[in-house]
């Protein structure tokens, strides 16, 4: 039971990166006519988590490659391994761009946020990130709870209707599929490393159902809040600030601080993940690789946070559709093999 709750925390933390917390990811895929889409996402996400955790447990895995090989075969596993590397690289420059978008809300030049983020990344590379991750394990649950409270307060204060459309008016239901597939590769990368630590199928049920419910409810609350401020989102690269507008300054700065830290740790985690993967192939120091990766990423940061998410996240959603399909079919195929159908 306790470990199941622990895995819920890991899954939710993997999902709620800076892109999700900022609201941009939610708005890119959902928006109007998306109540059914979010319900379907919660179901698809629950099934995907159950399949990933079950496979990790049965393979007793310590990294994600055995899972990928079992799901998509040797050849496609290599392709998706490169896809993970590309995802990590693009996450780095999306987060650097996000730091520029964050300071822009204070009427500061975006270059200030970009420089601060780059310096922050370069300073920490030689020192390692254990200390930062320890703080992140404390602050991320705080951010999730704070985000939920802010959204509920906004819904109550603005008298936001919980149902915006008639149940038959759900034209955006298909958005649930690419939104789920966008997140399956990061989930496989993280959950594939805990196969040896899972001790029972009960943990798997608790983790998959619990995380699906939490993310479904949070996504729904976020989406209906963003619909309420839809006419203002044109002026914000980070939609969360449209919701925070008018709140007490302490709440505004508190949520901004948590978002900045989420952006920073997301970029840092991606950077170290990429460095570790490249170091297994090339004998370069962490410092040299870090400078090289950030140097390659910098030109992309000026495309704009919202533009990067608008183009790249749907693209990853499409690329990962095959993996999502294999995850959803995994229980059926497993049962068919067991009964020799």
C-alpha atoms as a PDB file:
ATOM      1  CA  UNK A   1       0.000   0.000   0.000  1.00  0.00           C
ATOM      2  CA  UNK A   2       2.705   2.481   1.039  1.00  0.00           C
ATOM      3  CA  UNK A   3       4.866   1.628  -1.968  1.00  0.00           C
ATOM      4  CA  UNK A   4       1.864   2.015  -4.256  1.00  0.00           C
ATOM      5  CA  UNK A   5       1.442   5.577  -2.979  1.00  0.00           C
ATOM      6  CA  UNK A   6       5.183   6.118  -3.480  1.00  0.00           C
ATOM      7  CA  UNK A   7       4.847   5.077  -7.137  1.00  0.00           C
ATOM      8  CA  UNK A   8       1.878   7.468  -7.500  1.00  0.00           C
ATOM      9  CA  UNK A   9       4.199  10.280  -6.435  1.00  0.00           C
ATOM     10  CA  UNK A  10       6.821   9.199  -8.953  1.00  0.00           C
ATOM     11  CA  UNK A  11       4.312   8.955 -11.822  1.00  0.00           C
ATOM     12  CA  UNK A  12       2.655  12.304 -11.061  1.00  0.00           C
ATOM     13  CA  UNK A  13       6.062  13.967 -10.680  1.00  0.00           C
ATOM     14  CA  UNK A  14       7.116  12.570 -14.076  1.00  0.00           C
ATOM     15  CA  UNK A  15       3.968  13.957 -15.699  1.00  0.00           C
ATOM     16  CA  UNK A  16       3.830  17.344 -14.030  1.00  0.00           C
ATOM     17  CA  UNK A  17       6.927  18.902 -15.477  1.00  0.00           C
ATOM     18  CA  UNK A  18       7.177  22.595 -16.143  1.00  0.00           C
ATOM     19  CA  UNK A  19       5.215  22.294 -19.425  1.00  0.00           C
ATOM     20  CA  UNK A  20       2.209  20.842 -17.619  1.00  0.00           C
ATOM     21  CA  UNK A  21       2.488  23.105 -14.559  1.00  0.00           C
ATOM     22  CA  UNK A  22       2.623  26.230 -16.732  1.00  0.00           C
ATOM     23  CA  UNK A  23      -0.716  25.280 -18.336  1.00  0.00           C
ATOM     24  CA  UNK A  24       0.666  25.550 -21.866  1.00  0.00           C
ATOM     25  CA  UNK A  25       0.660  21.778 -22.419  1.00  0.00           C
ATOM     26  CA  UNK A  26      -2.952  21.479 -21.204  1.00  0.00           C
ATOM     27  CA  UNK A  27      -4.148  24.332 -23.396  1.00  0.00           C
ATOM     28  CA  UNK A  28      -2.286  23.037 -26.447  1.00  0.00           C
ATOM     29  CA  UNK A  29      -4.135  19.718 -26.421  1.00  0.00           C
ATOM     30  CA  UNK A  30      -7.434  20.443 -24.698  1.00  0.00           C
ATOM     31  CA  UNK A  31      -9.451  23.671 -24.295  1.00  0.00           C
ATOM     32  CA  UNK A  32     -13.094  23.907 -25.362  1.00  0.00           C
ATOM     33  CA  UNK A  33     -15.170  20.739 -25.864  1.00  0.00           C
ATOM     34  CA  UNK A  34     -12.599  18.608 -24.039  1.00  0.00           C
ATOM     35  CA  UNK A  35     -14.368  17.171 -20.992  1.00  0.00           C
ATOM     36  CA  UNK A  36     -14.657  13.748 -22.630  1.00  0.00           C
ATOM     37  CA  UNK A  37     -11.076  14.022 -23.906  1.00  0.00           C
ATOM     38  CA  UNK A  38      -9.764  14.451 -20.347  1.00  0.00           C
ATOM     39  CA  UNK A  39     -11.847  11.520 -19.081  1.00  0.00           C
ATOM     40  CA  UNK A  40     -10.467   9.367 -21.913  1.00  0.00           C
ATOM     41  CA  UNK A  41      -6.950  10.572 -21.146  1.00  0.00           C
ATOM     42  CA  UNK A  42      -7.336   9.497 -17.502  1.00  0.00           C
ATOM     43  CA  UNK A  43      -8.470   6.026 -18.648  1.00  0.00           C
ATOM     44  CA  UNK A  44      -5.735   5.642 -21.288  1.00  0.00           C
ATOM     45  CA  UNK A  45      -3.112   6.911 -18.853  1.00  0.00           C
ATOM     46  CA  UNK A  46      -4.237   4.440 -16.170  1.00  0.00           C
ATOM     47  CA  UNK A  47      -4.077   1.531 -18.625  1.00  0.00           C
ATOM     48  CA  UNK A  48      -0.653   2.646 -19.895  1.00  0.00           C
ATOM     49  CA  UNK A  49       0.769   2.946 -16.372  1.00  0.00           C
ATOM     50  CA  UNK A  50      -0.602  -0.476 -15.478  1.00  0.00           C
ATOM     51  CA  UNK A  51       1.019  -2.043 -18.552  1.00  0.00           C
ATOM     52  CA  UNK A  52       4.389  -0.311 -17.971  1.00  0.00           C
ATOM     53  CA  UNK A  53       4.513  -1.197 -14.267  1.00  0.00           C
ATOM     54  CA  UNK A  54       3.417  -4.789 -14.905  1.00  0.00           C
ATOM     55  CA  UNK A  55       6.058  -5.249 -17.582  1.00  0.00           C
ATOM     56  CA  UNK A  56       8.751  -3.648 -15.386  1.00  0.00           C
ATOM     57  CA  UNK A  57       7.783  -5.948 -12.512  1.00  0.00           C
ATOM     58  CA  UNK A  58       7.757  -9.101 -14.625  1.00  0.00           C
ATOM     59  CA  UNK A  59      11.037  -8.246 -16.370  1.00  0.00           C
ATOM     60  CA  UNK A  60      12.625  -7.181 -13.058  1.00  0.00           C
ATOM     61  CA  UNK A  61      14.050  -4.277 -15.035  1.00  0.00           C
ATOM     62  CA  UNK A  62      16.549  -1.599 -14.002  1.00  0.00           C
ATOM     63  CA  UNK A  63      16.346   0.526 -17.154  1.00  0.00           C
ATOM     64  CA  UNK A  64      13.867   1.170 -19.946  1.00  0.00           C
ATOM     65  CA  UNK A  65      15.486  -0.701 -22.841  1.00  0.00           C
ATOM     66  CA  UNK A  66      14.145  -4.198 -21.913  1.00  0.00           C
ATOM     67  CA  UNK A  67      10.623  -2.710 -21.839  1.00  0.00           C
ATOM     68  CA  UNK A  68      11.010  -1.050 -25.216  1.00  0.00           C
ATOM     69  CA  UNK A  69      12.398  -4.235 -26.747  1.00  0.00           C
ATOM     70  CA  UNK A  70       9.487  -6.289 -25.395  1.00  0.00           C
ATOM     71  CA  UNK A  71       6.912  -3.733 -26.571  1.00  0.00           C
ATOM     72  CA  UNK A  72       8.153  -2.733 -30.016  1.00  0.00           C
ATOM     73  CA  UNK A  73      10.960  -5.164 -30.886  1.00  0.00           C
ATOM     74  CA  UNK A  74      14.721  -4.721 -31.202  1.00  0.00           C
ATOM     75  CA  UNK A  75      14.710  -2.485 -34.283  1.00  0.00           C
ATOM     76  CA  UNK A  76      12.020  -0.064 -33.118  1.00  0.00           C
ATOM     77  CA  UNK A  77      13.504  -0.029 -29.604  1.00  0.00           C
ATOM     78  CA  UNK A  78      16.646   1.568 -31.063  1.00  0.00           C
ATOM     79  CA  UNK A  79      14.496   4.172 -32.825  1.00  0.00           C
ATOM     80  CA  UNK A  80      12.642   5.049 -29.629  1.00  0.00           C
ATOM     81  CA  UNK A  81      15.909   5.107 -27.696  1.00  0.00           C
ATOM     82  CA  UNK A  82      16.981   7.922 -30.031  1.00  0.00           C
ATOM     83  CA  UNK A  83      13.535   9.433 -29.580  1.00  0.00           C
ATOM     84  CA  UNK A  84      14.186   9.632 -25.826  1.00  0.00           C
ATOM     85  CA  UNK A  85      17.467  11.453 -26.484  1.00  0.00           C
ATOM     86  CA  UNK A  86      15.743  13.893 -28.824  1.00  0.00           C
ATOM     87  CA  UNK A  87      12.986  14.427 -26.264  1.00  0.00           C
ATOM     88  CA  UNK A  88      15.569  15.230 -23.572  1.00  0.00           C
ATOM     89  CA  UNK A  89      17.382  17.667 -25.879  1.00  0.00           C
ATOM     90  CA  UNK A  90      14.219  19.504 -26.908  1.00  0.00           C
ATOM     91  CA  UNK A  91      13.071  19.634 -23.275  1.00  0.00           C
ATOM     92  CA  UNK A  92      16.278  21.503 -22.418  1.00  0.00           C
ATOM     93  CA  UNK A  93      15.699  24.334 -24.872  1.00  0.00           C
ATOM     94  CA  UNK A  94      11.958  24.441 -24.179  1.00  0.00           C
ATOM     95  CA  UNK A  95      12.714  24.946 -20.476  1.00  0.00           C
ATOM     96  CA  UNK A  96      15.359  27.604 -21.182  1.00  0.00           C
ATOM     97  CA  UNK A  97      12.777  29.363 -23.348  1.00  0.00           C
ATOM     98  CA  UNK A  98      10.248  28.944 -20.523  1.00  0.00           C
ATOM     99  CA  UNK A  99      12.545  30.794 -18.141  1.00  0.00           C
ATOM    100  CA  UNK A 100      12.567  33.706 -20.593  1.00  0.00           C
ATOM    101  CA  UNK A 101       8.765  33.616 -20.788  1.00  0.00           C
ATOM    102  CA  UNK A 102       8.544  33.632 -16.978  1.00  0.00           C
ATOM    103  CA  UNK A 103      10.591  36.811 -16.483  1.00  0.00           C
ATOM    104  CA  UNK A 104       8.695  38.475 -19.348  1.00  0.00           C
ATOM    105  CA  UNK A 105       5.596  38.670 -17.128  1.00  0.00           C
ATOM    106  CA  UNK A 106       7.547  41.170 -14.994  1.00  0.00           C
ATOM    107  CA  UNK A 107       8.330  43.207 -18.145  1.00  0.00           C
ATOM    108  CA  UNK A 108      11.938  42.060 -18.114  1.00  0.00           C
ATOM    109  CA  UNK A 109      13.654  41.127 -21.403  1.00  0.00           C
ATOM    110  CA  UNK A 110      13.386  37.396 -22.109  1.00  0.00           C
ATOM    111  CA  UNK A 111      17.173  37.284 -22.559  1.00  0.00           C
ATOM    112  CA  UNK A 112      17.528  37.893 -18.797  1.00  0.00           C
ATOM    113  CA  UNK A 113      15.632  34.678 -18.000  1.00  0.00           C
ATOM    114  CA  UNK A 114      17.565  32.750 -20.657  1.00  0.00           C
ATOM    115  CA  UNK A 115      20.935  33.916 -19.296  1.00  0.00           C
ATOM    116  CA  UNK A 116      19.964  33.144 -15.689  1.00  0.00           C
ATOM    117  CA  UNK A 117      18.856  29.638 -16.666  1.00  0.00           C
ATOM    118  CA  UNK A 118      22.003  28.925 -18.695  1.00  0.00           C
ATOM    119  CA  UNK A 119      24.267  30.164 -15.885  1.00  0.00           C
ATOM    120  CA  UNK A 120      22.283  28.109 -13.353  1.00  0.00           C
ATOM    121  CA  UNK A 121      22.713  24.971 -15.471  1.00  0.00           C
ATOM    122  CA  UNK A 122      26.420  25.505 -16.121  1.00  0.00           C
ATOM    123  CA  UNK A 123      27.180  26.174 -12.452  1.00  0.00           C
ATOM    124  CA  UNK A 124      25.562  22.946 -11.246  1.00  0.00           C
ATOM    125  CA  UNK A 125      26.997  20.551 -13.885  1.00  0.00           C
ATOM    126  CA  UNK A 126      30.420  19.999 -12.220  1.00  0.00           C
ATOM    127  CA  UNK A 127      28.803  19.649  -8.772  1.00  0.00           C
ATOM    128  CA  UNK A 128      26.178  17.042  -9.690  1.00  0.00           C
ATOM    129  CA  UNK A 129      22.461  17.323  -9.045  1.00  0.00           C
ATOM    130  CA  UNK A 130      21.820  15.176  -5.974  1.00  0.00           C
ATOM    131  CA  UNK A 131      21.190  18.192  -3.751  1.00  0.00           C
ATOM    132  CA  UNK A 132      18.846  19.808  -6.265  1.00  0.00           C
ATOM    133  CA  UNK A 133      16.868  16.581  -6.681  1.00  0.00           C
ATOM    134  CA  UNK A 134      16.533  16.231  -2.911  1.00  0.00           C
ATOM    135  CA  UNK A 135      14.989  19.715  -2.771  1.00  0.00           C
ATOM    136  CA  UNK A 136      12.842  18.863  -5.791  1.00  0.00           C
ATOM    137  CA  UNK A 137      11.413  15.804  -4.023  1.00  0.00           C
ATOM    138  CA  UNK A 138      10.207  18.182  -1.316  1.00  0.00           C
ATOM    139  CA  UNK A 139       9.045  21.083  -3.474  1.00  0.00           C
ATOM    140  CA  UNK A 140       7.290  19.132  -6.234  1.00  0.00           C
ATOM    141  CA  UNK A 141       4.539  17.754  -3.958  1.00  0.00           C
ATOM    142  CA  UNK A 142       4.161  21.303  -2.582  1.00  0.00           C
ATOM    143  CA  UNK A 143       3.727  22.592  -6.130  1.00  0.00           C
ATOM    144  CA  UNK A 144       1.139  19.933  -7.021  1.00  0.00           C
ATOM    145  CA  UNK A 145      -0.906  20.713  -3.898  1.00  0.00           C
ATOM    146  CA  UNK A 146      -0.471  24.475  -4.384  1.00  0.00           C
ATOM    147  CA  UNK A 147      -1.544  24.225  -8.023  1.00  0.00           C
ATOM    148  CA  UNK A 148      -4.644  22.241  -7.059  1.00  0.00           C
ATOM    149  CA  UNK A 149      -5.562  24.769  -4.332  1.00  0.00           C
ATOM    150  CA  UNK A 150      -5.025  27.764  -6.654  1.00  0.00           C
ATOM    151  CA  UNK A 151      -7.224  26.179  -9.346  1.00  0.00           C
ATOM    152  CA  UNK A 152     -10.008  25.371  -6.874  1.00  0.00           C
ATOM    153  CA  UNK A 153      -9.854  28.893  -5.420  1.00  0.00           C
ATOM    154  CA  UNK A 154     -10.019  30.348  -8.933  1.00  0.00           C
ATOM    155  CA  UNK A 155     -13.023  28.168  -9.835  1.00  0.00           C
ATOM    156  CA  UNK A 156     -14.789  29.200  -6.619  1.00  0.00           C
ATOM    157  CA  UNK A 157     -13.888  32.897  -6.889  1.00  0.00           C
ATOM    158  CA  UNK A 158     -14.814  33.247 -10.554  1.00  0.00           C
ATOM    159  CA  UNK A 159     -17.846  30.956 -10.237  1.00  0.00           C
ATOM    160  CA  UNK A 160     -16.514  28.778 -13.068  1.00  0.00           C
ATOM    161  CA  UNK A 161     -19.098  26.206 -14.240  1.00  0.00           C
ATOM    162  CA  UNK A 162     -17.847  22.652 -13.816  1.00  0.00           C
ATOM    163  CA  UNK A 163     -19.571  21.634 -17.071  1.00  0.00           C
ATOM    164  CA  UNK A 164     -19.107  24.064 -19.945  1.00  0.00           C
ATOM    165  CA  UNK A 165     -20.892  22.166 -22.682  1.00  0.00           C
ATOM    166  CA  UNK A 166     -23.659  19.722 -23.165  1.00  0.00           C
ATOM    167  CA  UNK A 167     -22.321  16.181 -22.971  1.00  0.00           C
ATOM    168  CA  UNK A 168     -22.960  15.705 -26.698  1.00  0.00           C
ATOM    169  CA  UNK A 169     -20.711  18.677 -27.576  1.00  0.00           C
ATOM    170  CA  UNK A 170     -17.297  16.971 -27.260  1.00  0.00           C
ATOM    171  CA  UNK A 171     -15.614  17.526 -30.616  1.00  0.00           C
ATOM    172  CA  UNK A 172     -12.095  17.468 -29.193  1.00  0.00           C
ATOM    173  CA  UNK A 173     -12.252  13.940 -27.723  1.00  0.00           C
ATOM    174  CA  UNK A 174      -9.450  12.619 -29.952  1.00  0.00           C
ATOM    175  CA  UNK A 175      -6.937  14.953 -28.244  1.00  0.00           C
ATOM    176  CA  UNK A 176      -6.773  12.369 -25.452  1.00  0.00           C
ATOM    177  CA  UNK A 177      -4.760  10.021 -27.685  1.00  0.00           C
ATOM    178  CA  UNK A 178      -1.772  12.244 -28.648  1.00  0.00           C
ATOM    179  CA  UNK A 179      -1.738  13.788 -25.152  1.00  0.00           C
ATOM    180  CA  UNK A 180      -1.356  10.336 -23.595  1.00  0.00           C
ATOM    181  CA  UNK A 181       1.158   9.153 -26.192  1.00  0.00           C
ATOM    182  CA  UNK A 182       3.244  12.309 -25.634  1.00  0.00           C
ATOM    183  CA  UNK A 183       3.897  11.144 -22.083  1.00  0.00           C
ATOM    184  CA  UNK A 184       4.377   7.375 -22.474  1.00  0.00           C
ATOM    185  CA  UNK A 185       8.085   7.508 -23.424  1.00  0.00           C
ATOM    186  CA  UNK A 186       9.089   9.586 -20.349  1.00  0.00           C
ATOM    187  CA  UNK A 187       6.965   7.220 -18.244  1.00  0.00           C
ATOM    188  CA  UNK A 188       8.712   4.165 -19.705  1.00  0.00           C
ATOM    189  CA  UNK A 189      12.105   5.818 -19.120  1.00  0.00           C
ATOM    190  CA  UNK A 190      11.333   6.447 -15.440  1.00  0.00           C
ATOM    191  CA  UNK A 191       9.191   3.426 -14.510  1.00  0.00           C
ATOM    192  CA  UNK A 192      11.439   1.030 -16.399  1.00  0.00           C
ATOM    193  CA  UNK A 193      14.096   1.674 -13.741  1.00  0.00           C
ATOM    194  CA  UNK A 194      11.978   0.498 -10.771  1.00  0.00           C
ATOM    195  CA  UNK A 195      11.048  -3.044 -11.836  1.00  0.00           C
ATOM    196  CA  UNK A 196      13.222  -4.610  -9.111  1.00  0.00           C
ATOM    197  CA  UNK A 197      11.648  -2.388  -6.445  1.00  0.00           C
ATOM    198  CA  UNK A 198       8.024  -3.346  -7.145  1.00  0.00           C
ATOM    199  CA  UNK A 199       6.943  -6.135  -4.797  1.00  0.00           C
ATOM    200  CA  UNK A 200       3.343  -6.949  -5.760  1.00  0.00           C
ATOM    201  CA  UNK A 201       0.588  -6.489  -8.320  1.00  0.00           C
ATOM    202  CA  UNK A 202      -1.417  -4.608  -5.651  1.00  0.00           C
ATOM    203  CA  UNK A 203       1.146  -1.783  -5.799  1.00  0.00           C
ATOM    204  CA  UNK A 204       0.671  -1.644  -9.555  1.00  0.00           C
ATOM    205  CA  UNK A 205      -3.116  -1.307  -9.283  1.00  0.00           C
ATOM    206  CA  UNK A 206      -2.859   1.381  -6.598  1.00  0.00           C
ATOM    207  CA  UNK A 207      -0.218   3.339  -8.529  1.00  0.00           C
ATOM    208  CA  UNK A 208      -1.923   3.221 -11.930  1.00  0.00           C
ATOM    209  CA  UNK A 209      -5.483   3.956 -10.730  1.00  0.00           C
ATOM    210  CA  UNK A 210      -4.378   6.586  -8.187  1.00  0.00           C
ATOM    211  CA  UNK A 211      -2.166   8.506 -10.609  1.00  0.00           C
ATOM    212  CA  UNK A 212      -4.820   8.350 -13.356  1.00  0.00           C
ATOM    213  CA  UNK A 213      -7.456   9.820 -11.015  1.00  0.00           C
ATOM    214  CA  UNK A 214      -5.178  12.574  -9.689  1.00  0.00           C
ATOM    215  CA  UNK A 215      -4.003  13.667 -13.130  1.00  0.00           C
ATOM    216  CA  UNK A 216      -7.493  13.405 -14.617  1.00  0.00           C
ATOM    217  CA  UNK A 217      -9.022  15.633 -11.925  1.00  0.00           C
ATOM    218  CA  UNK A 218      -6.125  18.119 -11.973  1.00  0.00           C
ATOM    219  CA  UNK A 219      -6.181  18.323 -15.789  1.00  0.00           C
ATOM    220  CA  UNK A 220      -9.942  18.910 -15.764  1.00  0.00           C
ATOM    221  CA  UNK A 221      -9.728  21.677 -13.141  1.00  0.00           C
ATOM    222  CA  UNK A 222      -6.852  23.303 -15.044  1.00  0.00           C
ATOM    223  CA  UNK A 223      -8.684  23.102 -18.357  1.00  0.00           C
ATOM    224  CA  UNK A 224     -11.964  24.659 -17.185  1.00  0.00           C
ATOM    225  CA  UNK A 225      -9.963  27.417 -15.465  1.00  0.00           C
ATOM    226  CA  UNK A 226      -8.071  28.159 -18.692  1.00  0.00           C
ATOM    227  CA  UNK A 227     -11.337  28.243 -20.657  1.00  0.00           C
ATOM    228  CA  UNK A 228     -12.502  30.991 -18.298  1.00  0.00           C
ATOM    229  CA  UNK A 229      -9.476  33.160 -19.214  1.00  0.00           C
ATOM    230  CA  UNK A 230      -9.219  32.018 -22.846  1.00  0.00           C
ATOM    231  CA  UNK A 231      -9.476  35.565 -24.217  1.00  0.00           C
ATOM    232  CA  UNK A 232      -6.383  36.571 -22.185  1.00  0.00           C
ATOM    233  CA  UNK A 233      -4.122  33.663 -23.121  1.00  0.00           C
ATOM    234  CA  UNK A 234      -2.939  35.420 -26.280  1.00  0.00           C
ATOM    235  CA  UNK A 235      -0.991  37.793 -24.027  1.00  0.00           C
ATOM    236  CA  UNK A 236       0.656  35.056 -21.923  1.00  0.00           C
ATOM    237  CA  UNK A 237       3.250  32.502 -23.005  1.00  0.00           C
ATOM    238  CA  UNK A 238       2.596  30.856 -19.634  1.00  0.00           C
ATOM    239  CA  UNK A 239      -1.197  30.463 -19.142  1.00  0.00           C
ATOM    240  CA  UNK A 240      -0.843  29.992 -15.370  1.00  0.00           C
ATOM    241  CA  UNK A 241      -0.167  33.718 -15.057  1.00  0.00           C
ATOM    242  CA  UNK A 242      -3.571  34.520 -16.573  1.00  0.00           C
ATOM    243  CA  UNK A 243      -5.159  32.513 -13.748  1.00  0.00           C
ATOM    244  CA  UNK A 244      -2.917  34.106 -11.095  1.00  0.00           C
ATOM    245  CA  UNK A 245      -3.735  37.639 -12.260  1.00  0.00           C
ATOM    246  CA  UNK A 246      -5.538  39.456  -9.460  1.00  0.00           C
ATOM    247  CA  UNK A 247      -4.376  37.099  -6.715  1.00  0.00           C
ATOM    248  CA  UNK A 248      -2.536  38.434  -3.681  1.00  0.00           C
ATOM    249  CA  UNK A 249       1.095  39.222  -4.439  1.00  0.00           C
ATOM    250  CA  UNK A 250       2.310  36.539  -2.000  1.00  0.00           C
ATOM    251  CA  UNK A 251       0.421  33.822  -3.902  1.00  0.00           C
ATOM    252  CA  UNK A 252       1.589  35.178  -7.251  1.00  0.00           C
ATOM    253  CA  UNK A 253       5.254  35.227  -6.244  1.00  0.00           C
ATOM    254  CA  UNK A 254       4.981  31.869  -4.433  1.00  0.00           C
ATOM    255  CA  UNK A 255       3.561  30.094  -7.488  1.00  0.00           C
ATOM    256  CA  UNK A 256       6.058  31.878  -9.763  1.00  0.00           C
ATOM    257  CA  UNK A 257       8.919  30.678  -7.564  1.00  0.00           C
ATOM    258  CA  UNK A 258       7.653  27.085  -7.641  1.00  0.00           C
ATOM    259  CA  UNK A 259       7.215  27.272 -11.430  1.00  0.00           C
ATOM    260  CA  UNK A 260      10.745  28.650 -11.911  1.00  0.00           C
ATOM    261  CA  UNK A 261      12.149  25.834  -9.793  1.00  0.00           C
ATOM    262  CA  UNK A 262      10.106  23.283 -11.773  1.00  0.00           C
ATOM    263  CA  UNK A 263      11.470  24.724 -15.035  1.00  0.00           C
ATOM    264  CA  UNK A 264      15.014  24.630 -13.666  1.00  0.00           C
ATOM    265  CA  UNK A 265      14.879  21.062 -12.351  1.00  0.00           C
ATOM    266  CA  UNK A 266      13.147  19.811 -15.512  1.00  0.00           C
ATOM    267  CA  UNK A 267      15.952  21.324 -17.621  1.00  0.00           C
ATOM    268  CA  UNK A 268      18.613  20.011 -15.247  1.00  0.00           C
ATOM    269  CA  UNK A 269      17.200  16.470 -15.141  1.00  0.00           C
ATOM    270  CA  UNK A 270      17.001  16.374 -18.942  1.00  0.00           C
ATOM    271  CA  UNK A 271      20.535  17.747 -19.281  1.00  0.00           C
ATOM    272  CA  UNK A 272      22.055  15.194 -16.899  1.00  0.00           C
ATOM    273  CA  UNK A 273      20.073  12.386 -18.525  1.00  0.00           C
ATOM    274  CA  UNK A 274      21.405  13.387 -21.932  1.00  0.00           C
ATOM    275  CA  UNK A 275      24.973  13.779 -20.646  1.00  0.00           C
ATOM    276  CA  UNK A 276      24.886  10.319 -19.020  1.00  0.00           C
ATOM    277  CA  UNK A 277      23.605   8.705 -22.224  1.00  0.00           C
ATOM    278  CA  UNK A 278      26.214  10.429 -24.434  1.00  0.00           C
ATOM    279  CA  UNK A 279      29.040   9.639 -21.984  1.00  0.00           C
ATOM    280  CA  UNK A 280      28.287   5.936 -22.422  1.00  0.00           C
ATOM    281  CA  UNK A 281      29.284   6.390 -26.084  1.00  0.00           C
ATOM    282  CA  UNK A 282      31.836   9.243 -25.969  1.00  0.00           C
ATOM    283  CA  UNK A 283      34.537   9.785 -23.333  1.00  0.00           C
ATOM    284  CA  UNK A 284      33.944  13.500 -22.681  1.00  0.00           C
ATOM    285  CA  UNK A 285      33.729  15.264 -19.319  1.00  0.00           C
ATOM    286  CA  UNK A 286      30.339  16.371 -17.965  1.00  0.00           C
ATOM    287  CA  UNK A 287      31.416  20.012 -18.199  1.00  0.00           C
ATOM    288  CA  UNK A 288      32.388  19.845 -21.888  1.00  0.00           C
ATOM    289  CA  UNK A 289      29.251  17.938 -22.850  1.00  0.00           C
ATOM    290  CA  UNK A 290      27.062  20.327 -20.849  1.00  0.00           C
ATOM    291  CA  UNK A 291      28.516  23.382 -22.576  1.00  0.00           C
ATOM    292  CA  UNK A 292      28.190  21.688 -25.987  1.00  0.00           C
ATOM    293  CA  UNK A 293      24.547  20.641 -25.428  1.00  0.00           C
ATOM    294  CA  UNK A 294      23.493  24.050 -24.087  1.00  0.00           C
ATOM    295  CA  UNK A 295      25.338  25.783 -26.942  1.00  0.00           C
ATOM    296  CA  UNK A 296      23.428  23.652 -29.480  1.00  0.00           C
ATOM    297  CA  UNK A 297      20.136  24.274 -27.670  1.00  0.00           C
ATOM    298  CA  UNK A 298      20.429  28.060 -27.314  1.00  0.00           C
ATOM    299  CA  UNK A 299      19.414  29.077 -30.876  1.00  0.00           C
ATOM    300  CA  UNK A 300      16.112  27.195 -30.493  1.00  0.00           C
ATOM    301  CA  UNK A 301      15.187  28.966 -27.247  1.00  0.00           C
ATOM    302  CA  UNK A 302      14.352  32.189 -29.065  1.00  0.00           C
ATOM    303  CA  UNK A 303      11.568  30.564 -31.081  1.00  0.00           C
ATOM    304  CA  UNK A 304       9.344  31.134 -28.049  1.00  0.00           C
ATOM    305  CA  UNK A 305       8.033  28.874 -25.283  1.00  0.00           C
ATOM    306  CA  UNK A 306       4.458  28.634 -26.598  1.00  0.00           C
ATOM    307  CA  UNK A 307       5.609  28.116 -30.211  1.00  0.00           C
ATOM    308  CA  UNK A 308       8.001  25.332 -29.231  1.00  0.00           C
ATOM    309  CA  UNK A 309       5.306  23.465 -27.306  1.00  0.00           C
ATOM    310  CA  UNK A 310       2.752  24.076 -30.071  1.00  0.00           C
ATOM    311  CA  UNK A 311       4.943  22.396 -32.688  1.00  0.00           C
ATOM    312  CA  UNK A 312       7.052  19.858 -30.800  1.00  0.00           C
ATOM    313  CA  UNK A 313       4.620  18.331 -28.295  1.00  0.00           C
ATOM    314  CA  UNK A 314       1.997  17.323 -30.901  1.00  0.00           C
ATOM    315  CA  UNK A 315       4.857  15.918 -33.000  1.00  0.00           C
ATOM    316  CA  UNK A 316       6.008  13.716 -30.116  1.00  0.00           C
ATOM    317  CA  UNK A 317       2.396  12.735 -29.562  1.00  0.00           C
ATOM    318  CA  UNK A 318       2.268  11.370 -33.111  1.00  0.00           C
ATOM    319  CA  UNK A 319       5.722   9.699 -32.939  1.00  0.00           C
ATOM    320  CA  UNK A 320       4.775   7.811 -29.771  1.00  0.00           C
ATOM    321  CA  UNK A 321       1.397   6.534 -31.015  1.00  0.00           C
ATOM    322  CA  UNK A 322       2.853   3.126 -31.854  1.00  0.00           C
ATOM    323  CA  UNK A 323       4.229   2.702 -28.330  1.00  0.00           C
ATOM    324  CA  UNK A 324       0.861   3.729 -26.854  1.00  0.00           C
ATOM    325  CA  UNK A 325      -0.918   1.192 -29.072  1.00  0.00           C
ATOM    326  CA  UNK A 326       1.421  -1.614 -27.927  1.00  0.00           C
ATOM    327  CA  UNK A 327       0.863  -0.646 -24.279  1.00  0.00           C
ATOM    328  CA  UNK A 328      -2.914  -0.714 -24.639  1.00  0.00           C
ATOM    329  CA  UNK A 329      -2.777  -4.052 -26.468  1.00  0.00           C
ATOM    330  CA  UNK A 330      -0.273  -5.547 -24.017  1.00  0.00           C
ATOM    331  CA  UNK A 331      -2.860  -7.124 -21.617  1.00  0.00           C
ATOM    332  CA  UNK A 332      -4.820  -8.590 -24.550  1.00  0.00           C
ATOM    333  CA  UNK A 333      -1.709 -10.081 -26.179  1.00  0.00           C
ATOM    334  CA  UNK A 334      -0.508 -11.387 -22.812  1.00  0.00           C
ATOM    335  CA  UNK A 335      -3.823 -13.120 -22.144  1.00  0.00           C
ATOM    336  CA  UNK A 336      -3.928 -14.537 -25.686  1.00  0.00           C
ATOM    337  CA  UNK A 337      -0.446 -16.033 -25.250  1.00  0.00           C
ATOM    338  CA  UNK A 338      -1.384 -17.471 -21.861  1.00  0.00           C
ATOM    339  CA  UNK A 339      -4.415 -19.228 -23.317  1.00  0.00           C
ATOM    340  CA  UNK A 340      -2.594 -20.011 -26.601  1.00  0.00           C
ATOM    341  CA  UNK A 341      -5.200 -18.265 -28.726  1.00  0.00           C
END
